[in-house]
C-alpha atoms as a PDB file:
ATOM      1  CA  MET A   1     -81.223  51.179-152.051  1.00  0.00           C
ATOM      2  CA  GLU A   2     -78.898  48.199-152.401  1.00  0.00           C
ATOM      3  CA  ILE A   3     -75.937  50.522-153.006  1.00  0.00           C
ATOM      4  CA  ILE A   4     -76.552  52.326-149.723  1.00  0.00           C
ATOM      5  CA  LEU A   5     -76.889  49.033-147.886  1.00  0.00           C
ATOM      6  CA  ALA A   6     -73.665  47.784-149.503  1.00  0.00           C
ATOM      7  CA  PHE A   7     -71.779  50.768-148.075  1.00  0.00           C
ATOM      8  CA  VAL A   8     -73.410  50.295-144.678  1.00  0.00           C
ATOM      9  CA  ILE A   9     -72.523  46.585-144.668  1.00  0.00           C
ATOM     10  CA  GLY A  10     -68.945  47.356-145.709  1.00  0.00           C
ATOM     11  CA  GLY A  11     -68.666  49.953-142.955  1.00  0.00           C
ATOM     12  CA  LEU A  12     -70.047  47.546-140.371  1.00  0.00           C
ATOM     13  CA  PHE A  13     -67.648  44.790-141.447  1.00  0.00           C
ATOM     14  CA  ALA A  14     -64.712  47.228-141.350  1.00  0.00           C
ATOM     15  CA  ALA A  15     -65.690  48.531-137.912  1.00  0.00           C
ATOM     16  CA  SER A  16     -66.180  45.000-136.585  1.00  0.00           C
ATOM     17  CA  ILE A  17     -62.788  43.818-137.832  1.00  0.00           C
ATOM     18  CA  TYR A  18     -61.185  46.930-136.331  1.00  0.00           C
ATOM     19  CA  MET A  19     -62.880  46.264-132.989  1.00  0.00           C
ATOM     20  CA  LEU A  20     -61.973  42.568-133.063  1.00  0.00           C
ATOM     21  CA  LEU A  21     -58.291  43.500-133.396  1.00  0.00           C
ATOM     22  CA  ARG A  22     -58.267  45.752-130.308  1.00  0.00           C
ATOM     23  CA  ARG A  23     -56.671  44.664-127.037  1.00  0.00           C
ATOM     24  CA  SER A  24     -59.729  45.134-124.841  1.00  0.00           C
ATOM     25  CA  LEU A  25     -62.117  42.262-124.225  1.00  0.00           C
ATOM     26  CA  VAL A  26     -65.114  44.621-124.210  1.00  0.00           C
ATOM     27  CA  LYS A  27     -64.153  45.993-127.624  1.00  0.00           C
ATOM     28  CA  LEU A  28     -63.798  42.443-128.889  1.00  0.00           C
ATOM     29  CA  LEU A  29     -67.371  41.689-127.806  1.00  0.00           C
ATOM     30  CA  ILE A  30     -68.638  44.880-129.460  1.00  0.00           C
ATOM     31  CA  GLY A  31     -66.846  43.812-132.643  1.00  0.00           C
ATOM     32  CA  LEU A  32     -68.519  40.416-132.433  1.00  0.00           C
ATOM     33  CA  ALA A  33     -71.932  42.084-132.160  1.00  0.00           C
ATOM     34  CA  LEU A  34     -71.183  44.366-135.119  1.00  0.00           C
ATOM     35  CA  LEU A  35     -70.061  41.369-137.151  1.00  0.00           C
ATOM     36  CA  SER A  36     -73.342  39.561-136.533  1.00  0.00           C
ATOM     37  CA  HIS A  37     -75.363  42.672-137.476  1.00  0.00           C
ATOM     38  CA  ALA A  38     -73.356  43.102-140.681  1.00  0.00           C
ATOM     39  CA  THR A  39     -73.921  39.467-141.587  1.00  0.00           C
ATOM     40  CA  ASN A  40     -77.668  39.811-141.018  1.00  0.00           C
ATOM     41  CA  LEU A  41     -77.782  42.844-143.291  1.00  0.00           C
ATOM     42  CA  LEU A  42     -75.736  40.977-145.901  1.00  0.00           C
ATOM     43  CA  ILE A  43     -78.226  38.093-145.936  1.00  0.00           C
ATOM     44  CA  PHE A  44     -81.093  40.581-146.154  1.00  0.00           C
ATOM     45  CA  THR A  45     -79.509  42.463-149.045  1.00  0.00           C
ATOM     46  CA  ALA A  46     -78.407  39.346-150.949  1.00  0.00           C
ATOM     47  CA  ALA A  47     -82.043  38.254-151.137  1.00  0.00           C
ATOM     48  CA  LYS A  48     -82.916  41.515-152.940  1.00  0.00           C
ATOM     49  CA  LEU A  49     -85.242  44.087-151.479  1.00  0.00           C
ATOM     50  CA  THR A  50     -88.744  43.386-152.699  1.00  0.00           C
ATOM     51  CA  ARG A  51     -91.619  45.593-151.756  1.00  0.00           C
ATOM     52  CA  GLY A  52     -94.616  43.522-152.454  1.00  0.00           C
ATOM     53  CA  ASN A  53     -97.374  41.417-151.071  1.00  0.00           C
ATOM     54  CA  PRO A  54     -96.840  38.964-148.253  1.00  0.00           C
ATOM     55  CA  PRO A  55     -96.117  35.426-149.484  1.00  0.00           C
ATOM     56  CA  VAL A  56     -99.602  34.097-148.761  1.00  0.00           C
ATOM     57  CA  ILE A  57    -101.737  32.291-151.314  1.00  0.00           C
ATOM     58  CA  GLY A  58    -105.281  33.594-151.273  1.00  0.00           C
ATOM     59  CA  ALA A  59    -108.342  31.397-150.905  1.00  0.00           C
ATOM     60  CA  ASP A  60    -109.357  31.784-154.556  1.00  0.00           C
ATOM     61  CA  ALA A  61    -105.807  31.601-156.038  1.00  0.00           C
ATOM     62  CA  THR A  62    -103.710  28.573-156.911  1.00  0.00           C
ATOM     63  CA  ALA A  63    -100.289  30.233-156.901  1.00  0.00           C
ATOM     64  CA  LEU A  64     -98.540  33.339-155.650  1.00  0.00           C
ATOM     65  CA  THR A  65     -98.873  36.432-157.765  1.00  0.00           C
ATOM     66  CA  PRO A  66     -95.694  38.508-158.112  1.00  0.00           C
ATOM     67  CA  PRO A  67     -94.320  40.683-156.626  1.00  0.00           C
ATOM     68  CA  PHE A  68     -94.148  38.992-153.258  1.00  0.00           C
ATOM     69  CA  ALA A  69     -91.594  39.041-150.467  1.00  0.00           C
ATOM     70  CA  ASP A  70     -89.311  36.019-150.115  1.00  0.00           C
ATOM     71  CA  PRO A  71     -89.799  34.519-146.627  1.00  0.00           C
ATOM     72  CA  LEU A  72     -86.590  32.423-146.596  1.00  0.00           C
ATOM     73  CA  PRO A  73     -84.097  35.265-145.928  1.00  0.00           C
ATOM     74  CA  GLN A  74     -86.360  36.578-143.193  1.00  0.00           C
ATOM     75  CA  ALA A  75     -86.386  33.174-141.533  1.00  0.00           C
ATOM     76  CA  LEU A  76     -82.607  32.871-141.872  1.00  0.00           C
ATOM     77  CA  ILE A  77     -82.073  36.302-140.330  1.00  0.00           C
ATOM     78  CA  LEU A  78     -84.444  35.527-137.479  1.00  0.00           C
ATOM     79  CA  THR A  79     -82.526  32.322-136.770  1.00  0.00           C
ATOM     80  CA  ALA A  80     -79.211  34.200-136.954  1.00  0.00           C
ATOM     81  CA  ILE A  81     -80.482  36.825-134.511  1.00  0.00           C
ATOM     82  CA  VAL A  82     -81.441  34.162-131.978  1.00  0.00           C
ATOM     83  CA  ILE A  83     -78.111  32.364-132.357  1.00  0.00           C
ATOM     84  CA  SER A  84     -76.104  35.582-132.105  1.00  0.00           C
ATOM     85  CA  PHE A  85     -78.037  36.540-128.971  1.00  0.00           C
ATOM     86  CA  GLY A  86     -77.102  33.222-127.369  1.00  0.00           C
ATOM     87  CA  VAL A  87     -73.458  33.562-128.405  1.00  0.00           C
ATOM     88  CA  MET A  88     -73.329  37.128-127.107  1.00  0.00           C
ATOM     89  CA  ALA A  89     -74.889  36.153-123.775  1.00  0.00           C
ATOM     90  CA  PHE A  90     -72.363  33.322-123.382  1.00  0.00           C
ATOM     91  CA  ALA A  91     -69.466  35.599-124.378  1.00  0.00           C
ATOM     92  CA  LEU A  92     -70.561  38.293-121.912  1.00  0.00           C
ATOM     93  CA  ALA A  93     -70.805  35.765-119.093  1.00  0.00           C
ATOM     94  CA  LEU A  94     -67.401  34.346-120.017  1.00  0.00           C
ATOM     95  CA  ALA A  95     -65.861  37.828-120.201  1.00  0.00           C
ATOM     96  CA  TYR A  96     -67.306  38.736-116.812  1.00  0.00           C
ATOM     97  CA  ARG A  97     -65.904  35.563-115.281  1.00  0.00           C
ATOM     98  CA  VAL A  98     -62.482  36.168-116.832  1.00  0.00           C
ATOM     99  CA  TYR A  99     -62.460  39.754-115.582  1.00  0.00           C
ATOM    100  CA  ARG A 100     -63.381  38.605-112.074  1.00  0.00           C
ATOM    101  CA  SER A 101     -60.619  35.989-111.970  1.00  0.00           C
ATOM    102  CA  VAL A 102     -57.832  37.900-113.787  1.00  0.00           C
ATOM    103  CA  GLY A 103     -58.737  41.471-112.832  1.00  0.00           C
ATOM    104  CA  THR A 104     -58.210  43.046-116.250  1.00  0.00           C
ATOM    105  CA  ASP A 105     -59.822  43.142-119.663  1.00  0.00           C
ATOM    106  CA  ASP A 106     -56.539  43.665-121.566  1.00  0.00           C
ATOM    107  CA  LEU A 107     -55.909  40.620-123.740  1.00  0.00           C
ATOM    108  CA  ASP A 108     -52.120  41.039-123.628  1.00  0.00           C
ATOM    109  CA  GLN A 109     -52.115  40.991-119.819  1.00  0.00           C
ATOM    110  CA  MET A 110     -54.364  37.914-119.856  1.00  0.00           C
ATOM    111  CA  ARG A 111     -51.815  36.108-121.988  1.00  0.00           C
ATOM    112  CA  GLY A 112     -49.291  36.495-119.139  1.00  0.00           C
ATOM    113  CA  THR A 113     -51.578  34.619-116.722  1.00  0.00           C
ATOM    114  CA  ASP A 114     -51.179  31.284-118.536  1.00  0.00           C
ATOM    115  CA  VAL A 115     -49.791  28.515-116.373  1.00  0.00           C
END
């Protein structure tokens, strides 16, 4: 399963870099979203996929019994999702404002509007 996820992560990183290098502002934002999704999958895969019990110590036990899922990568990914949502919302608002003031989403034409 990790091999399949490695190819998916590599494809997402490649697609995001390709989209980040395009001239359109909308494609740049799509590339930013793909980059955050690829990073989340990378964190998830680096922690190893464990199908097991939830990491909860029972009432009669003194320690966790393996196999159990590691909660730290899940917490990191949840935090990254919230942060990437905030960054994407800010970037969309900024892109909308730039489009309204400049009138184009082409990054090369925006470069000509510098004063």
